[in-house]
Protein backbone atom coordinates (compact mmCIF):
# COMPACT_ATOMS: atom_id res chain seq x y z
CA MET A 1 102.54 110.95 75.03
CA LYS A 2 104.95 113.80 76.00
CA ILE A 3 105.34 116.42 78.96
CA THR A 4 105.10 119.43 77.51
CA ASP A 5 104.89 121.64 80.85
CA LEU A 6 105.45 121.49 84.54
CA LYS A 7 103.34 124.46 86.22
CA LEU A 8 102.86 125.60 89.82
CA ARG A 9 99.71 126.74 90.75
CA GLN A 10 99.51 129.24 94.17
CA LEU A 11 95.70 128.98 95.37
CA THR A 12 94.24 131.48 97.58
CA GLY A 13 90.75 130.54 99.35
CA ALA A 14 88.94 130.55 102.64
CA MET A 15 88.00 127.51 104.69
CA ALA A 16 85.58 127.25 107.17
CA TYR A 17 86.18 125.93 110.42
CA ASP A 18 84.12 125.32 113.67
CA GLY A 19 86.01 126.72 116.59
CA GLU A 20 89.65 128.03 116.91
CA LEU A 21 91.45 126.57 113.94
CA TRP A 22 94.66 125.74 115.67
CA GLU A 23 94.55 125.89 119.65
CA GLU A 24 98.33 125.05 120.52
CA ARG A 25 101.10 123.17 119.26
CA GLY A 26 103.20 120.32 119.86
CA ALA A 27 106.58 120.31 120.60
CA ARG A 28 109.54 121.00 117.91
CA PRO A 29 112.81 120.26 117.42
CA LEU A 30 114.21 123.73 118.09
CA ASP A 31 112.25 123.83 121.32
CA ILE A 32 115.70 122.53 123.30
CA TYR A 33 116.57 126.32 122.95
CA PRO A 34 114.30 128.64 125.42
CA ALA A 35 114.35 131.24 123.14
CA TYR A 36 112.48 129.07 120.63
CA ARG A 37 110.49 126.92 123.85
CA GLY A 38 109.12 130.31 124.52
CA LEU A 39 107.12 130.92 121.41
CA ASN A 40 103.49 129.91 121.33
CA VAL A 41 101.04 129.19 118.40
CA GLU A 42 100.51 132.75 117.69
CA ASP A 43 104.08 133.02 116.83
CA SER A 44 104.28 129.87 114.56
CA THR A 45 101.61 128.20 113.13
CA ARG A 46 98.67 130.28 113.50
CA ARG A 47 100.01 133.00 111.51
CA ALA A 48 100.27 130.24 108.32
CA PHE A 49 96.43 130.32 108.32
CA PRO A 50 95.03 133.81 109.59
CA ALA A 51 91.55 134.71 110.32
CA ARG A 52 89.21 136.57 108.27
CA SER A 53 86.36 139.09 108.92
CA ASP A 54 84.21 136.55 107.86
CA GLY A 55 84.95 134.14 110.69
CA ARG A 56 86.96 131.84 108.10
CA TYR A 57 90.44 130.83 107.49
CA GLN A 58 92.72 131.53 104.65
CA ILE A 59 93.99 129.07 102.95
CA LYS A 60 97.15 129.80 100.58
CA GLN A 61 98.62 125.99 98.47
CA THR A 62 100.84 125.31 96.30
CA PHE A 63 99.57 122.68 93.37
CA LEU A 64 101.75 121.11 90.81
CA ASN A 65 100.13 120.40 87.36
CA VAL A 66 102.31 117.94 84.70
CA GLU A 67 100.73 119.03 81.16
CA THR A 68 101.00 116.32 78.48
CA ASP A 69 100.47 116.76 74.80
CA GLU A 70 97.04 114.25 74.79
CA GLY A 71 95.22 116.42 77.10
CA VAL A 72 96.19 114.39 80.27
CA THR A 73 97.63 116.49 83.26
CA GLY A 74 98.89 115.11 86.45
CA VAL A 75 97.94 116.90 89.77
CA VAL A 76 99.80 116.96 92.85
CA GLY A 77 99.58 119.00 96.03
CA PRO A 78 99.70 120.92 98.60
CA LEU A 79 103.46 120.54 98.19
CA THR A 80 105.41 120.78 101.19
CA GLY A 81 106.84 124.17 101.42
CA ASP A 82 108.72 126.56 99.24
CA ALA A 83 111.96 124.59 98.81
CA THR A 84 109.63 122.05 96.88
CA ALA A 85 108.61 124.44 94.58
CA TYR A 86 111.95 125.80 93.62
CA TYR A 87 113.67 122.55 93.02
CA ILE A 88 110.38 121.28 90.65
CA ALA A 89 110.51 124.75 89.01
CA THR A 90 114.68 124.78 88.97
CA GLN A 91 115.92 121.17 89.11
CA LEU A 92 113.41 119.21 87.74
CA ARG A 93 111.28 120.67 84.98
CA PRO A 94 114.12 120.97 82.67
CA LEU A 95 114.76 116.97 82.87
CA LEU A 96 111.24 116.37 82.47
CA ILE A 97 109.98 118.28 79.38
CA GLY A 98 109.59 116.30 76.06
CA GLN A 99 110.21 113.19 78.14
CA ASP A 100 107.29 110.28 77.72
CA PRO A 101 105.51 110.08 81.47
CA ILE A 102 104.53 106.74 81.55
CA ARG A 103 108.35 105.81 82.08
CA THR A 104 108.42 106.26 85.68
CA GLU A 105 111.61 103.83 86.54
CA TYR A 106 113.52 106.24 83.63
CA LEU A 107 112.54 109.06 85.17
CA TRP A 108 112.59 108.57 88.90
CA ASP A 109 116.29 107.18 88.16
CA VAL A 110 116.85 110.49 86.22
CA MET A 111 116.18 112.99 88.39
CA TYR A 112 117.95 110.70 90.97
CA ARG A 113 121.25 110.72 89.57
CA ASN A 114 120.78 114.50 88.88
CA ALA A 115 120.96 115.41 92.15
CA PRO A 116 124.04 113.92 94.12
CA ASN A 117 123.94 116.46 96.69
CA GLY A 118 119.50 116.04 96.83
CA ARG A 119 119.60 112.21 97.77
CA SER A 120 117.04 113.55 100.87
CA GLY A 121 115.62 116.63 102.15
CA ASP A 122 113.55 119.29 100.33
CA ASN A 123 114.92 117.57 96.87
CA MET A 124 114.07 114.39 97.25
CA ILE A 125 110.61 115.57 98.33
CA ALA A 126 110.11 117.42 95.09
CA ILE A 127 110.97 114.33 93.16
CA SER A 128 108.34 112.13 95.08
CA HIS A 129 106.13 114.70 94.48
CA VAL A 130 106.84 114.91 90.45
CA ASP A 131 106.74 110.91 90.64
CA TYR A 132 102.90 111.25 92.33
CA ALA A 133 102.20 113.18 89.19
CA LEU A 134 103.21 110.88 86.60
CA TRP A 135 101.33 108.27 88.41
CA ASP A 136 98.30 110.39 88.16
CA ILE A 137 98.75 110.87 84.49
CA ARG A 138 99.43 106.88 83.68
CA ALA A 139 96.31 106.03 86.06
CA LYS A 140 94.38 108.60 83.94
CA TRP A 141 95.35 107.68 80.88
CA LEU A 142 94.26 104.07 81.57
CA ASN A 143 90.86 105.51 83.32
CA GLN A 144 91.67 103.48 86.52
CA PRO A 145 92.84 104.51 90.37
CA VAL A 146 96.04 104.44 90.67
CA LEU A 147 95.69 101.60 93.22
CA ALA A 148 94.33 99.00 90.37
CA LEU A 149 97.46 99.93 88.82
CA LEU A 150 99.47 98.82 91.81
CA GLY A 151 97.47 95.29 91.61
CA GLY A 152 94.54 96.51 93.77
CA ALA A 153 94.03 96.72 97.23
CA VAL A 154 94.93 93.67 99.69
CA GLN A 155 92.42 94.99 102.69
CA GLU A 156 88.98 95.61 102.40
CA ARG A 157 89.74 98.64 105.05
CA ILE A 158 92.32 100.11 107.55
CA PRO A 159 91.58 101.14 110.93
CA ALA A 160 92.53 105.05 111.30
CA TYR A 161 93.77 106.52 114.13
CA ALA A 162 93.03 110.35 114.51
CA SER A 163 96.11 112.81 115.42
CA THR A 164 95.16 115.65 117.24
CA ALA A 165 98.10 118.49 115.95
CA GLY A 166 96.77 121.71 116.83
CA TYR A 167 94.35 120.67 119.34
CA SER A 168 94.30 122.04 123.02
CA LEU A 169 96.85 120.37 125.70
CA ASP A 170 94.82 121.11 128.52
CA PRO A 171 94.19 117.96 130.37
CA ASP A 172 90.64 118.19 130.60
CA LYS A 173 89.90 119.19 127.05
CA ALA A 174 92.41 116.50 125.56
CA ALA A 175 90.33 114.04 127.89
CA GLU A 176 86.89 115.22 126.14
CA ARG A 177 88.74 115.03 122.44
CA ALA A 178 89.97 111.31 123.35
CA ALA A 179 86.57 110.31 124.42
CA SER A 180 85.33 111.79 121.11
CA ILE A 181 87.57 110.26 119.07
CA ARG A 182 86.81 106.67 120.35
CA GLU A 183 83.15 107.83 119.77
CA GLN A 184 83.77 108.61 116.15
CA GLY A 185 84.96 105.12 115.76
CA PHE A 186 89.08 105.75 115.65
CA THR A 187 91.00 102.80 117.04
CA GLY A 188 93.35 105.09 118.37
CA THR A 189 94.71 108.62 118.77
CA LYS A 190 98.11 110.55 118.76
CA TRP A 191 99.06 113.17 120.76
CA PHE A 192 102.01 116.08 120.46
CA PHE A 193 103.15 116.51 123.57
CA ARG A 194 104.84 120.06 124.26
CA ARG A 195 106.86 119.35 126.97
CA GLY A 196 110.46 118.23 126.92
CA VAL A 197 113.67 118.16 128.09
CA GLY A 198 113.80 121.79 128.82
CA ASP A 199 110.76 121.89 130.82
CA GLY A 200 112.58 120.18 133.84
CA LEU A 201 110.28 118.21 136.44
CA ASP A 202 107.34 120.34 136.11
CA GLY A 203 106.87 119.25 132.32
CA GLU A 204 107.85 115.86 133.15
CA ARG A 205 104.67 115.91 135.73
CA ALA A 206 102.91 117.54 132.90
CA ASN A 207 103.55 115.26 130.46
CA ILE A 208 102.09 112.33 132.94
CA HIS A 209 99.05 114.44 133.77
CA LEU A 210 98.35 114.38 130.01
CA MET A 211 98.66 111.00 129.32
CA GLU A 212 96.56 110.05 132.49
CA ALA A 213 94.08 112.50 131.11
CA LEU A 214 94.25 110.93 127.59
CA ARG A 215 93.96 107.22 128.77
CA ASP A 216 90.71 108.44 131.17
CA GLY A 217 89.29 110.00 128.18
CA ALA A 218 90.18 107.43 125.14
CA GLY A 219 89.34 104.42 127.19
CA PRO A 220 91.31 100.95 127.75
CA ASP A 221 90.89 99.36 124.34
CA VAL A 222 91.75 102.92 122.07
CA LYS A 223 95.45 103.07 121.12
CA VAL A 224 97.19 106.63 122.52
CA MET A 225 100.49 107.55 121.02
CA ILE A 226 102.79 109.97 121.83
CA ASP A 227 104.72 112.65 118.88
CA ALA A 228 107.93 113.97 120.86
CA TRP A 229 108.92 115.34 117.89
CA ALA A 230 112.97 115.18 118.31
CA ASN A 231 112.51 116.91 121.65
CA TRP A 232 113.14 114.41 124.42
CA GLY A 233 116.64 112.68 124.32
CA VAL A 234 117.63 109.30 125.25
CA ASP A 235 117.69 109.71 129.13
CA TYR A 236 114.35 111.94 129.18
CA THR A 237 112.62 109.37 126.68
CA LEU A 238 113.40 106.76 129.27
CA ARG A 239 112.25 108.33 132.00
CA MET A 240 109.03 109.08 130.55
CA ALA A 241 108.70 105.98 128.73
CA ARG A 242 108.93 104.55 132.57
CA SER A 243 106.42 106.81 134.29
CA LEU A 244 103.96 106.33 131.27
CA ALA A 245 103.88 102.63 131.01
CA ALA A 246 100.97 102.36 133.52
CA TYR A 247 98.42 103.93 131.01
CA ASP A 248 99.89 101.90 128.27
CA PRO A 249 101.01 104.57 125.14
CA ALA A 250 101.11 102.39 122.07
CA TRP A 251 104.21 104.12 120.86
CA ILE A 252 106.64 107.24 121.71
CA GLU A 253 107.16 108.54 117.94
CA GLU A 254 110.20 110.18 117.23
CA PRO A 255 112.00 111.23 120.63
CA VAL A 256 115.53 111.83 119.32
CA GLN A 257 117.33 113.54 116.33
CA TYR A 258 116.21 111.33 113.16
CA ALA A 259 120.01 110.52 112.45
CA LEU A 260 120.99 109.24 115.52
CA ARG A 261 120.10 105.31 114.41
CA ASP A 262 122.10 104.20 117.33
CA SER A 263 120.15 106.15 120.25
CA TYR A 264 116.65 104.68 118.50
CA ALA A 265 118.02 101.03 118.46
CA TYR A 266 119.13 101.68 122.01
CA LEU A 267 115.78 103.03 123.15
CA LYS A 268 114.07 100.26 121.21
CA SER A 269 115.66 97.44 122.98
CA THR A 270 115.53 99.57 126.65
CA SER A 271 112.09 101.06 126.75
CA PRO A 272 109.09 99.81 128.13
CA VAL A 273 107.22 101.75 125.58
CA PRO A 274 107.02 100.69 121.66
CA ILE A 275 109.50 103.57 119.68
CA ALA A 276 108.14 104.80 116.26
CA GLY A 277 109.57 106.78 113.82
CA GLY A 278 110.79 107.32 110.00
CA GLU A 279 108.84 109.65 108.41
CA HIS A 280 111.71 112.31 107.78
CA ASP A 281 113.71 109.36 106.37
CA PHE A 282 113.99 108.81 102.33
CA THR A 283 114.65 106.56 99.69
CA ARG A 284 114.80 102.44 99.85
CA TRP A 285 118.74 102.69 100.84
CA SER A 286 118.07 104.85 103.92
CA VAL A 287 115.38 102.47 104.98
CA LYS A 288 117.78 99.27 104.16
CA GLU A 289 120.12 100.54 106.69
CA MET A 290 117.18 101.46 109.41
CA LEU A 291 116.16 97.99 108.85
CA ASP A 292 119.39 96.69 109.45
CA ALA A 293 119.90 98.14 112.43
CA ASP A 294 116.67 97.03 113.86
CA MET A 295 116.22 100.46 115.31
CA LEU A 296 112.54 101.14 115.47
CA ASP A 297 109.32 98.99 116.73
CA VAL A 298 106.81 100.80 113.69
CA TYR A 299 108.22 102.47 110.79
CA GLN A 300 106.36 105.36 109.55
CA PHE A 301 108.01 106.69 105.75
CA GLU A 302 106.14 109.29 104.25
CA PRO A 303 105.31 108.21 101.00
CA ILE A 304 105.20 111.46 99.51
CA TRP A 305 108.40 112.72 100.54
CA ALA A 306 110.35 109.20 100.89
CA GLY A 307 110.56 109.15 97.11
CA GLY A 308 107.17 108.91 95.82
CA LEU A 309 105.11 105.82 94.49
CA THR A 310 107.75 104.47 92.48
CA GLU A 311 109.95 104.45 95.41
CA MET A 312 107.22 103.54 97.66
CA MET A 313 107.09 100.47 95.98
CA LYS A 314 110.32 99.02 96.62
CA ILE A 315 110.30 100.28 100.34
CA ASN A 316 107.09 98.03 100.76
CA ALA A 317 109.08 94.97 99.46
CA LEU A 318 111.69 95.59 102.11
CA VAL A 319 109.41 96.30 104.82
CA THR A 320 107.90 93.05 104.16
CA ALA A 321 110.95 91.14 103.58
CA TYR A 322 112.17 92.46 107.15
CA ASP A 323 108.83 91.66 108.61
CA VAL A 324 108.41 94.63 110.13
CA THR A 325 105.48 97.10 111.18
CA PHE A 326 105.09 99.90 108.61
CA VAL A 327 102.37 102.36 109.53
CA PRO A 328 102.81 105.27 106.85
CA HIS A 329 102.86 108.56 108.20
CA VAL A 330 100.19 110.69 106.10
CA TYR A 331 100.70 114.38 104.87
CA VAL A 332 98.38 113.78 101.74
CA PRO A 333 95.79 110.70 102.36
CA ALA A 334 95.01 110.00 99.02
CA ALA A 335 98.98 109.54 98.62
CA SER A 336 99.36 107.36 101.80
CA ALA A 337 96.22 105.04 101.21
CA PRO A 338 97.65 103.36 98.09
CA VAL A 339 100.77 102.57 99.45
CA ALA A 340 99.24 101.20 102.61
CA PHE A 341 96.37 99.07 100.74
CA THR A 342 99.39 97.49 99.13
CA LEU A 343 100.09 95.84 102.48
CA ASN A 344 98.24 93.08 104.60
CA ALA A 345 97.36 94.20 108.14
CA MET A 346 99.98 91.89 109.87
CA THR A 347 102.62 94.62 108.12
CA THR A 348 100.18 97.68 108.41
CA PRO A 349 97.55 97.35 110.90
CA MET A 350 96.42 101.16 110.95
CA LEU A 351 96.64 104.43 109.04
CA GLU A 352 97.00 108.22 110.07
CA TYR A 353 94.68 110.86 109.62
CA HIS A 354 95.36 114.61 110.61
CA LEU A 355 91.70 115.68 111.94
CA VAL A 356 92.92 119.36 111.75
CA LEU A 357 95.37 119.03 109.12
CA GLY A 358 93.60 116.94 107.11
CA GLU A 359 90.81 119.20 106.59
CA ILE A 360 93.62 122.02 105.99
CA TYR A 361 95.45 120.00 103.27
CA GLN A 362 92.20 118.82 101.58
CA HIS A 363 90.55 122.28 101.23
CA PHE A 364 90.90 122.26 97.67
CA LEU A 365 90.43 118.86 96.62
CA ARG A 366 87.52 118.05 94.89
CA THR A 367 87.81 114.37 96.35
CA PRO A 368 89.18 114.79 99.41
CA LEU A 369 89.98 110.80 100.96
CA LYS A 370 88.45 110.87 104.90
CA PRO A 371 88.24 107.86 107.10
CA GLN A 372 84.24 106.72 107.35
CA ALA A 373 83.67 105.55 110.76
CA GLY A 374 86.64 105.33 111.91
CA TYR A 375 88.17 103.23 108.61
CA PHE A 376 89.83 103.88 105.28
CA HIS A 377 88.35 102.53 102.75
CA PRO A 378 90.44 101.97 98.90
CA PRO A 379 90.22 105.09 97.14
CA ASP A 380 88.07 104.01 93.95
CA GLY A 381 88.27 107.22 91.71
CA ILE A 382 90.04 107.89 88.81
CA GLY A 383 93.66 108.85 89.11
CA LEU A 384 94.89 109.82 92.26
CA GLY A 385 92.54 111.84 93.39
CA LEU A 386 94.36 115.18 94.34
CA ASP A 387 92.17 117.31 91.58
CA VAL A 388 91.43 120.53 92.54
CA ASP A 389 87.74 121.84 92.73
CA GLU A 390 87.98 125.17 91.18
CA GLU A 391 85.18 126.72 92.73
CA LYS A 392 87.26 127.08 96.22
CA VAL A 393 90.08 128.88 94.34
CA GLU A 394 89.44 132.89 94.94
CA GLU A 395 93.00 133.89 93.48
CA GLU A 396 95.50 131.93 91.71
CA ARG A 397 99.05 133.06 90.67
CA ALA A 398 101.63 130.88 88.45
CA VAL A 399 104.81 130.41 90.85
CA SER A 400 108.23 130.70 89.20
CA PHE A 401 111.82 131.52 89.57
CA GLY A 402 113.98 133.56 87.88
């Protein structure tokens, strides 16, 4: 079997959603600057999903098809940003045409060695997407789920925690949502606190008020996580952790810039609240450095960014060898679930599900993967599970770069 083509499909469709699709944005790393901190959801996220006259929301996403001479096609998507498509088309496609797609170890190393300046970031995200498409080919060729090729599930089910990016951060509304999440069977819920180091004492009080409301709504048994997305810094994080500890947050996620490993290690050793992060780190080599630094309580590498399935099996071996907690970030549930289900409950006690983004990112999928009554179950469909439901495609164009 040989790879004959890599095609990038930009799909446009319309998604129904009960209510306003994106109510509020959380913090962003740029929010330390007033010019960016003042931007609201209308200026940012909502522009990507405009409302249509029929009450639905426009969704535009790009998918990758890796085609072979035996009629087996690997599908992965939606891709992460335009840069991913650019690297696939210009850097990776020439390396893959004519190659045997089953040789995933060899092809991963070829793609990696071809990019001495692309060992992280957009080029590695592109490698990761391609690698998943190759595993999709292998699984379809063998008429098996991808998870079966990895040795099958270790856990019968994994508790899901609900991420709430896009939800209102008004304390009363957040408390209502947290109560609803608990009633749906989720064991935890993550909230994207908007107030950060640039918002002064009023922002700190707002964070405390929000956390208090979330704990009231969630009750004592549901984990409540905080995502600060590199908007807090060391001193601010310690002040907030000490103020919020009484409400028992499960962790504070990415409070400082990703590369500041000494800062993370200091926070881990000092903060009364656990520290989580790692979704913006890549490959086994970076992971090993992080594990050697003992810098986090919870590691959250993103499978479809950190190197793909080939690399994640090596990362899984590392996190079990170092005996740490690994709760994968979930951009695409079908990509993260096989990684999580090869690990036992001591290593991976839960898995993320984005309530809003899970609908958006899985809109075009024939078989979206969602938690049932608060739990993920092992994906058992043939292949990876990212094939497109063509009936949802209203428009399509081929993506290419001159």
